[in-house]
Protein backbone atom coordinates (compact mmCIF):
# COMPACT_ATOMS: atom_id res chain seq x y z
CA GLY A 1 5.43 123.41 76.78
CA ALA A 2 9.47 123.45 78.21
CA ALA A 3 10.05 123.25 81.70
CA LEU A 4 10.86 126.58 82.78
CA ALA A 5 13.89 126.52 83.94
CA LEU A 6 14.48 126.73 87.82
CA PRO A 7 15.92 130.19 89.75
CA ASN A 8 18.70 130.23 91.03
CA ILE A 9 18.87 130.75 94.84
CA THR A 10 22.52 131.51 97.08
CA ILE A 11 21.40 131.29 101.08
CA LEU A 12 23.81 133.84 102.25
CA ALA A 13 24.81 131.65 105.80
CA THR A 14 25.65 134.20 109.30
CA GLY A 15 24.86 132.00 112.39
CA GLY A 16 22.59 133.20 115.27
CA THR A 17 19.88 131.22 116.61
CA ILE A 18 18.57 129.75 112.96
CA ALA A 19 21.62 128.16 113.43
CA GLY A 20 21.38 127.01 116.65
CA GLY A 21 22.53 123.62 118.11
CA GLY A 22 21.45 121.84 121.30
CA ASP A 23 18.81 120.91 123.23
CA SER A 24 16.63 124.24 123.12
CA ALA A 25 17.61 128.45 123.07
CA THR A 26 17.19 128.13 126.86
CA LYS A 27 19.72 125.22 127.63
CA SER A 28 22.80 124.78 128.72
CA ASN A 29 24.41 122.63 125.56
CA TYR A 30 22.49 125.51 123.46
CA THR A 31 25.64 127.45 120.95
CA ALA A 32 24.27 130.14 118.83
CA GLY A 33 25.90 129.51 115.06
CA LYS A 34 26.46 125.60 115.19
CA VAL A 35 25.04 124.43 112.90
CA GLY A 36 26.35 125.16 108.90
CA VAL A 37 24.05 126.38 106.12
CA GLU A 38 24.35 123.01 104.02
CA ASN A 39 22.78 121.39 107.49
CA LEU A 40 20.02 124.21 107.27
CA VAL A 41 19.91 123.31 103.27
CA ASN A 42 19.38 119.72 103.22
CA ALA A 43 16.82 119.56 106.27
CA VAL A 44 14.41 121.14 103.85
CA PRO A 45 14.65 118.78 100.06
CA GLN A 46 11.94 120.52 99.05
CA LEU A 47 14.21 123.79 98.03
CA LYS A 48 14.99 121.79 95.04
CA ASP A 49 12.32 121.37 93.46
CA ILE A 50 11.36 124.88 93.65
CA ALA A 51 14.67 126.32 93.12
CA ASN A 52 18.39 125.91 92.35
CA VAL A 53 20.27 126.58 95.72
CA LYS A 54 23.50 127.41 96.41
CA GLY A 55 24.51 127.99 100.55
CA GLU A 56 27.29 130.14 101.38
CA GLN A 57 29.20 130.75 104.93
CA VAL A 58 30.59 134.10 105.24
CA VAL A 59 30.49 133.98 109.17
CA ASN A 60 28.85 131.49 112.33
CA ILE A 61 28.22 134.26 115.01
CA GLY A 62 25.17 135.36 117.29
CA SER A 63 23.61 138.15 116.88
CA GLN A 64 25.32 140.08 119.68
CA ASP A 65 28.25 139.59 117.22
CA MET A 66 26.43 140.52 114.01
CA ASN A 67 27.94 144.78 113.43
CA ASP A 68 28.49 146.69 110.01
CA ASN A 69 31.53 144.19 109.19
CA VAL A 70 29.61 141.72 109.12
CA TRP A 71 27.20 143.67 107.13
CA LEU A 72 29.50 145.76 104.88
CA THR A 73 30.74 141.84 104.10
CA LEU A 74 26.58 140.48 103.07
CA ALA A 75 26.68 143.88 100.97
CA LYS A 76 30.01 143.19 98.94
CA LYS A 77 29.00 140.23 98.37
CA ILE A 78 25.38 140.23 97.12
CA ASN A 79 27.11 143.13 95.04
CA THR A 80 29.99 140.69 93.45
CA ASP A 81 27.14 138.05 92.72
CA CYS A 82 24.40 139.84 91.66
CA ASP A 83 24.83 138.88 88.28
CA LYS A 84 24.91 135.02 88.08
CA THR A 85 21.99 134.43 91.10
CA ASP A 86 17.98 135.05 90.52
CA GLY A 87 17.61 136.24 94.37
CA PHE A 88 19.48 135.95 97.38
CA VAL A 89 18.77 134.89 101.21
CA ILE A 90 20.42 136.00 104.21
CA THR A 91 20.28 134.26 107.75
CA HIS A 92 20.54 134.86 111.00
CA GLY A 93 18.63 135.18 114.62
CA THR A 94 15.37 133.55 115.60
CA ASP A 95 14.48 130.71 113.43
């Protein structure tokens, strides 16, 4: 039979420790939100086998800086793009 089309997934990245860089979250050289969304996607090459994944860096902030404006931006982005993608993943916080 014909192969099924892979779903289109959009990753909306907002920073946080999942995108942190440095030795560890307890070291002085650690920075939350240092790694961009493309680096996160490229870190899991198997994603291409299960979905067409597109990453978008909405903001790149620490958890303490998340606020209603960021959540509203995310909600508007999802509302605008929901007809062009099969699902969304929002990354933020602890990995």
